[in-house]
Amino acid sequence: MSAVKLEDARRVISAAEKKAKETGQPMNIAVADEGGNIVAHVRMDNAWIGSIDVSMKKGLHVSGI
């Protein structure tokens, strides 16, 4: 099992932020490791505050698949 490093998480967040800006939809972006532990999270300006919990739980759910 390879660990998700903070540097990797930052690259994923950067790419996701770029896509969110292209679509005009601010987002909450969470990156989790293989165990569902949050490595990094960012809430873009004007992103829905309720999506913080949703983005983090998606990472946990996907790791269990």
PDB file of N, CA and C in Angstrom:
ATOM      1  N   MET A   1       0.846  -1.176   0.000  1.00  0.00           N
ATOM      2  CA  MET A   1       0.000   0.000   0.000  1.00  0.00           C
ATOM      3  C   MET A   1       0.893   1.242   0.000  1.00  0.00           C
ATOM      4  N   SER A   2       0.683   2.141  -0.951  1.00  0.00           N
ATOM      5  CA  SER A   2       1.466   3.368  -0.993  1.00  0.00           C
ATOM      6  C   SER A   2       0.687   4.500  -0.336  1.00  0.00           C
ATOM      7  N   ALA A   3       1.371   5.276   0.448  1.00  0.00           N
ATOM      8  CA  ALA A   3       0.740   6.371   1.173  1.00  0.00           C
ATOM      9  C   ALA A   3       0.552   7.579   0.255  1.00  0.00           C
ATOM     10  N   VAL A   4      -0.536   8.286   0.470  1.00  0.00           N
ATOM     11  CA  VAL A   4      -0.775   9.534  -0.248  1.00  0.00           C
ATOM     12  C   VAL A   4      -0.049  10.630   0.531  1.00  0.00           C
ATOM     13  N   LYS A   5       0.905  11.249  -0.093  1.00  0.00           N
ATOM     14  CA  LYS A   5       1.692  12.293   0.559  1.00  0.00           C
ATOM     15  C   LYS A   5       1.032  13.654   0.358  1.00  0.00           C
ATOM     16  N   LEU A   6       1.331  14.582   1.233  1.00  0.00           N
ATOM     17  CA  LEU A   6       0.756  15.925   1.160  1.00  0.00           C
ATOM     18  C   LEU A   6       1.054  16.578  -0.188  1.00  0.00           C
ATOM     19  N   GLU A   7       2.245  16.378  -0.696  1.00  0.00           N
ATOM     20  CA  GLU A   7       2.615  16.940  -1.997  1.00  0.00           C
ATOM     21  C   GLU A   7       1.678  16.418  -3.099  1.00  0.00           C
ATOM     22  N   ASP A   8       1.371  15.134  -3.056  1.00  0.00           N
ATOM     23  CA  ASP A   8       0.441  14.541  -4.023  1.00  0.00           C
ATOM     24  C   ASP A   8      -0.957  15.135  -3.852  1.00  0.00           C
ATOM     25  N   ALA A   9      -1.397  15.253  -2.609  1.00  0.00           N
ATOM     26  CA  ALA A   9      -2.715  15.814  -2.330  1.00  0.00           C
ATOM     27  C   ALA A   9      -2.825  17.241  -2.846  1.00  0.00           C
ATOM     28  N   ARG A  10      -1.777  18.009  -2.703  1.00  0.00           N
ATOM     29  CA  ARG A  10      -1.787  19.400  -3.193  1.00  0.00           C
ATOM     30  C   ARG A  10      -1.918  19.445  -4.712  1.00  0.00           C
ATOM     31  N   ARG A  11      -1.283  18.513  -5.411  1.00  0.00           N
ATOM     32  CA  ARG A  11      -1.402  18.465  -6.875  1.00  0.00           C
ATOM     33  C   ARG A  11      -2.834  18.124  -7.280  1.00  0.00           C
ATOM     34  N   VAL A  12      -3.443  17.185  -6.578  1.00  0.00           N
ATOM     35  CA  VAL A  12      -4.834  16.812  -6.859  1.00  0.00           C
ATOM     36  C   VAL A  12      -5.756  18.007  -6.604  1.00  0.00           C
ATOM     37  N   ILE A  13      -5.556  18.684  -5.494  1.00  0.00           N
ATOM     38  CA  ILE A  13      -6.381  19.849  -5.161  1.00  0.00           C
ATOM     39  C   ILE A  13      -6.203  20.945  -6.198  1.00  0.00           C
ATOM     40  N   SER A  14      -4.986  21.173  -6.627  1.00  0.00           N
ATOM     41  CA  SER A  14      -4.729  22.196  -7.638  1.00  0.00           C
ATOM     42  C   SER A  14      -5.474  21.901  -8.933  1.00  0.00           C
ATOM     43  N   ALA A  15      -5.428  20.642  -9.370  1.00  0.00           N
ATOM     44  CA  ALA A  15      -6.130  20.251 -10.601  1.00  0.00           C
ATOM     45  C   ALA A  15      -7.640  20.383 -10.434  1.00  0.00           C
ATOM     46  N   ALA A  16      -8.150  20.002  -9.272  1.00  0.00           N
ATOM     47  CA  ALA A  16      -9.587  20.101  -9.020  1.00  0.00           C
ATOM     48  C   ALA A  16     -10.034  21.563  -8.951  1.00  0.00           C
ATOM     49  N   GLU A  17      -9.222  22.417  -8.343  1.00  0.00           N
ATOM     50  CA  GLU A  17      -9.549  23.848  -8.290  1.00  0.00           C
ATOM     51  C   GLU A  17      -9.593  24.448  -9.697  1.00  0.00           C
ATOM     52  N   LYS A  18      -8.634  24.045 -10.534  1.00  0.00           N
ATOM     53  CA  LYS A  18      -8.610  24.538 -11.910  1.00  0.00           C
ATOM     54  C   LYS A  18      -9.897  24.158 -12.637  1.00  0.00           C
ATOM     55  N   LYS A  19     -10.318  22.913 -12.487  1.00  0.00           N
ATOM     56  CA  LYS A  19     -11.546  22.438 -13.142  1.00  0.00           C
ATOM     57  C   LYS A  19     -12.766  23.166 -12.580  1.00  0.00           C
ATOM     58  N   ALA A  20     -12.800  23.370 -11.282  1.00  0.00           N
ATOM     59  CA  ALA A  20     -13.922  24.075 -10.661  1.00  0.00           C
ATOM     60  C   ALA A  20     -14.019  25.516 -11.177  1.00  0.00           C
ATOM     61  N   LYS A  21     -12.879  26.158 -11.367  1.00  0.00           N
ATOM     62  CA  LYS A  21     -12.876  27.529 -11.898  1.00  0.00           C
ATOM     63  C   LYS A  21     -13.355  27.545 -13.345  1.00  0.00           C
ATOM     64  N   GLU A  22     -12.954  26.546 -14.124  1.00  0.00           N
ATOM     65  CA  GLU A  22     -13.388  26.455 -15.523  1.00  0.00           C
ATOM     66  C   GLU A  22     -14.907  26.321 -15.626  1.00  0.00           C
ATOM     67  N   THR A  23     -15.492  25.575 -14.698  1.00  0.00           N
ATOM     68  CA  THR A  23     -16.934  25.353 -14.736  1.00  0.00           C
ATOM     69  C   THR A  23     -17.711  26.416 -13.969  1.00  0.00           C
ATOM     70  N   GLY A  24     -16.983  27.282 -13.244  1.00  0.00           N
ATOM     71  CA  GLY A  24     -17.638  28.338 -12.488  1.00  0.00           C
ATOM     72  C   GLY A  24     -18.338  27.836 -11.236  1.00  0.00           C
ATOM     73  N   GLN A  25     -17.916  26.678 -10.735  1.00  0.00           N
ATOM     74  CA  GLN A  25     -18.554  26.085  -9.561  1.00  0.00           C
ATOM     75  C   GLN A  25     -17.537  25.920  -8.442  1.00  0.00           C
ATOM     76  N   PRO A  26     -17.539  26.833  -7.449  1.00  0.00           N
ATOM     77  CA  PRO A  26     -16.608  26.665  -6.329  1.00  0.00           C
ATOM     78  C   PRO A  26     -16.923  25.388  -5.557  1.00  0.00           C
ATOM     79  N   MET A  27     -15.880  24.711  -5.091  1.00  0.00           N
ATOM     80  CA  MET A  27     -16.064  23.404  -4.466  1.00  0.00           C
ATOM     81  C   MET A  27     -15.257  23.261  -3.185  1.00  0.00           C
ATOM     82  N   ASN A  28     -15.650  22.273  -2.416  1.00  0.00           N
ATOM     83  CA  ASN A  28     -14.854  21.750  -1.312  1.00  0.00           C
ATOM     84  C   ASN A  28     -14.154  20.526  -1.876  1.00  0.00           C
ATOM     85  N   ILE A  29     -12.855  20.450  -1.670  1.00  0.00           N
ATOM     86  CA  ILE A  29     -12.080  19.360  -2.248  1.00  0.00           C
ATOM     87  C   ILE A  29     -11.314  18.664  -1.126  1.00  0.00           C
ATOM     88  N   ALA A  30     -11.536  17.375  -0.991  1.00  0.00           N
ATOM     89  CA  ALA A  30     -10.837  16.587   0.024  1.00  0.00           C
ATOM     90  C   ALA A  30     -10.060  15.472  -0.658  1.00  0.00           C
ATOM     91  N   VAL A  31      -8.868  15.218  -0.149  1.00  0.00           N
ATOM     92  CA  VAL A  31      -8.046  14.115  -0.638  1.00  0.00           C
ATOM     93  C   VAL A  31      -7.789  13.188   0.552  1.00  0.00           C
ATOM     94  N   ALA A  32      -8.116  11.926   0.356  1.00  0.00           N
ATOM     95  CA  ALA A  32      -7.945  10.934   1.424  1.00  0.00           C
ATOM     96  C   ALA A  32      -6.925   9.883   1.004  1.00  0.00           C
ATOM     97  N   ASP A  33      -6.328   9.256   2.009  1.00  0.00           N
ATOM     98  CA  ASP A  33      -5.415   8.154   1.722  1.00  0.00           C
ATOM     99  C   ASP A  33      -6.209   6.854   1.596  1.00  0.00           C
ATOM    100  N   GLU A  34      -5.503   5.753   1.441  1.00  0.00           N
ATOM    101  CA  GLU A  34      -6.141   4.466   1.212  1.00  0.00           C
ATOM    102  C   GLU A  34      -7.028   4.026   2.377  1.00  0.00           C
ATOM    103  N   GLY A  35      -6.746   4.539   3.560  1.00  0.00           N
ATOM    104  CA  GLY A  35      -7.527   4.182   4.737  1.00  0.00           C
ATOM    105  C   GLY A  35      -8.700   5.106   4.995  1.00  0.00           C
ATOM    106  N   GLY A  36      -8.907   6.079   4.090  1.00  0.00           N
ATOM    107  CA  GLY A  36     -10.001   7.027   4.251  1.00  0.00           C
ATOM    108  C   GLY A  36      -9.670   8.201   5.146  1.00  0.00           C
ATOM    109  N   ASN A  37      -8.414   8.331   5.532  1.00  0.00           N
ATOM    110  CA  ASN A  37      -7.982   9.451   6.365  1.00  0.00           C
ATOM    111  C   ASN A  37      -7.733  10.677   5.494  1.00  0.00           C
ATOM    112  N   ILE A  38      -8.248  11.805   5.900  1.00  0.00           N
ATOM    113  CA  ILE A  38      -8.085  13.030   5.118  1.00  0.00           C
ATOM    114  C   ILE A  38      -6.624  13.474   5.169  1.00  0.00           C
ATOM    115  N   VAL A  39      -6.048  13.660   3.996  1.00  0.00           N
ATOM    116  CA  VAL A  39      -4.675  14.142   3.876  1.00  0.00           C
ATOM    117  C   VAL A  39      -4.692  15.664   3.739  1.00  0.00           C
ATOM    118  N   ALA A  40      -5.659  16.165   2.957  1.00  0.00           N
ATOM    119  CA  ALA A  40      -5.772  17.609   2.748  1.00  0.00           C
ATOM    120  C   ALA A  40      -7.205  17.951   2.351  1.00  0.00           C
ATOM    121  N   HIS A  41      -7.601  19.170   2.687  1.00  0.00           N
ATOM    122  CA  HIS A  41      -8.935  19.658   2.334  1.00  0.00           C
ATOM    123  C   HIS A  41      -8.826  21.151   2.061  1.00  0.00           C
ATOM    124  N   VAL A  42      -9.597  21.600   1.090  1.00  0.00           N
ATOM    125  CA  VAL A  42      -9.661  23.039   0.807  1.00  0.00           C
ATOM    126  C   VAL A  42     -11.108  23.406   0.492  1.00  0.00           C
ATOM    127  N   ARG A  43     -11.522  24.555   0.975  1.00  0.00           N
ATOM    128  CA  ARG A  43     -12.841  25.099   0.646  1.00  0.00           C
ATOM    129  C   ARG A  43     -12.599  26.358  -0.168  1.00  0.00           C
ATOM    130  N   MET A  44     -13.013  26.317  -1.433  1.00  0.00           N
ATOM    131  CA  MET A  44     -12.834  27.474  -2.303  1.00  0.00           C
ATOM    132  C   MET A  44     -13.769  28.599  -1.851  1.00  0.00           C
ATOM    133  N   ASP A  45     -13.403  29.827  -2.162  1.00  0.00           N
ATOM    134  CA  ASP A  45     -14.257  30.970  -1.855  1.00  0.00           C
ATOM    135  C   ASP A  45     -15.645  30.733  -2.426  1.00  0.00           C
ATOM    136  N   ASN A  46     -16.654  31.004  -1.618  1.00  0.00           N
ATOM    137  CA  ASN A  46     -18.064  30.892  -1.998  1.00  0.00           C
ATOM    138  C   ASN A  46     -18.559  29.457  -2.188  1.00  0.00           C
ATOM    139  N   ALA A  47     -17.760  28.477  -1.844  1.00  0.00           N
ATOM    140  CA  ALA A  47     -18.238  27.092  -1.900  1.00  0.00           C
ATOM    141  C   ALA A  47     -19.225  26.886  -0.755  1.00  0.00           C
ATOM    142  N   TRP A  48     -20.218  26.050  -0.993  1.00  0.00           N
ATOM    143  CA  TRP A  48     -21.246  25.795   0.007  1.00  0.00           C
ATOM    144  C   TRP A  48     -20.615  25.182   1.246  1.00  0.00           C
ATOM    145  N   ILE A  49     -20.866  25.784   2.378  1.00  0.00           N
ATOM    146  CA  ILE A  49     -20.232  25.331   3.618  1.00  0.00           C
ATOM    147  C   ILE A  49     -20.658  23.910   3.998  1.00  0.00           C
ATOM    148  N   GLY A  50     -21.881  23.524   3.649  1.00  0.00           N
ATOM    149  CA  GLY A  50     -22.358  22.180   3.949  1.00  0.00           C
ATOM    150  C   GLY A  50     -21.622  21.095   3.188  1.00  0.00           C
ATOM    151  N   SER A  51     -20.931  21.471   2.132  1.00  0.00           N
ATOM    152  CA  SER A  51     -20.209  20.489   1.319  1.00  0.00           C
ATOM    153  C   SER A  51     -18.897  20.050   1.949  1.00  0.00           C
ATOM    154  N   ILE A  52     -18.466  20.723   3.004  1.00  0.00           N
ATOM    155  CA  ILE A  52     -17.224  20.312   3.667  1.00  0.00           C
ATOM    156  C   ILE A  52     -17.368  18.873   4.152  1.00  0.00           C
ATOM    157  N   ASP A  53     -18.427  18.616   4.879  1.00  0.00           N
ATOM    158  CA  ASP A  53     -18.679  17.276   5.410  1.00  0.00           C
ATOM    159  C   ASP A  53     -18.871  16.259   4.289  1.00  0.00           C
ATOM    160  N   VAL A  54     -19.584  16.657   3.254  1.00  0.00           N
ATOM    161  CA  VAL A  54     -19.842  15.758   2.120  1.00  0.00           C
ATOM    162  C   VAL A  54     -18.526  15.356   1.450  1.00  0.00           C
ATOM    163  N   SER A  55     -17.662  16.336   1.193  1.00  0.00           N
ATOM    164  CA  SER A  55     -16.405  16.033   0.499  1.00  0.00           C
ATOM    165  C   SER A  55     -15.531  15.101   1.327  1.00  0.00           C
ATOM    166  N   MET A  56     -15.510  15.291   2.629  1.00  0.00           N
ATOM    167  CA  MET A  56     -14.688  14.430   3.479  1.00  0.00           C
ATOM    168  C   MET A  56     -15.265  13.018   3.575  1.00  0.00           C
ATOM    169  N   LYS A  57     -16.571  12.897   3.642  1.00  0.00           N
ATOM    170  CA  LYS A  57     -17.183  11.568   3.727  1.00  0.00           C
ATOM    171  C   LYS A  57     -17.063  10.792   2.416  1.00  0.00           C
ATOM    172  N   LYS A  58     -17.003  11.506   1.289  1.00  0.00           N
ATOM    173  CA  LYS A  58     -16.796  10.815   0.005  1.00  0.00           C
ATOM    174  C   LYS A  58     -15.457  10.101   0.008  1.00  0.00           C
ATOM    175  N   GLY A  59     -14.441  10.773   0.511  1.00  0.00           N
ATOM    176  CA  GLY A  59     -13.117  10.152   0.590  1.00  0.00           C
ATOM    177  C   GLY A  59     -13.123   8.906   1.448  1.00  0.00           C
ATOM    178  N   LEU A  60     -13.827   8.956   2.559  1.00  0.00           N
ATOM    179  CA  LEU A  60     -13.921   7.805   3.443  1.00  0.00           C
ATOM    180  C   LEU A  60     -14.683   6.671   2.777  1.00  0.00           C
ATOM    181  N   HIS A  61     -15.779   6.990   2.105  1.00  0.00           N
ATOM    182  CA  HIS A  61     -16.606   5.969   1.449  1.00  0.00           C
ATOM    183  C   HIS A  61     -15.838   5.272   0.324  1.00  0.00           C
ATOM    184  N   VAL A  62     -15.169   6.055  -0.506  1.00  0.00           N
ATOM    185  CA  VAL A  62     -14.454   5.485  -1.658  1.00  0.00           C
ATOM    186  C   VAL A  62     -13.324   4.572  -1.186  1.00  0.00           C
ATOM    187  N   SER A  63     -12.699   4.901  -0.087  1.00  0.00           N
ATOM    188  CA  SER A  63     -11.588   4.061   0.390  1.00  0.00           C
ATOM    189  C   SER A  63     -12.079   2.686   0.840  1.00  0.00           C
ATOM    190  N   GLY A  64     -13.357   2.568   1.168  1.00  0.00           N
ATOM    191  CA  GLY A  64     -13.891   1.297   1.621  1.00  0.00           C
ATOM    192  C   GLY A  64     -14.334   0.370   0.503  1.00  0.00           C
ATOM    193  N   ILE A  65     -14.284   0.847  -0.716  1.00  0.00           N
ATOM    194  CA  ILE A  65     -14.743   0.051  -1.864  1.00  0.00           C
ATOM    195  C   ILE A  65     -13.676  -0.934  -2.284  1.00  0.00           C
TER     196      ILE A  65
END
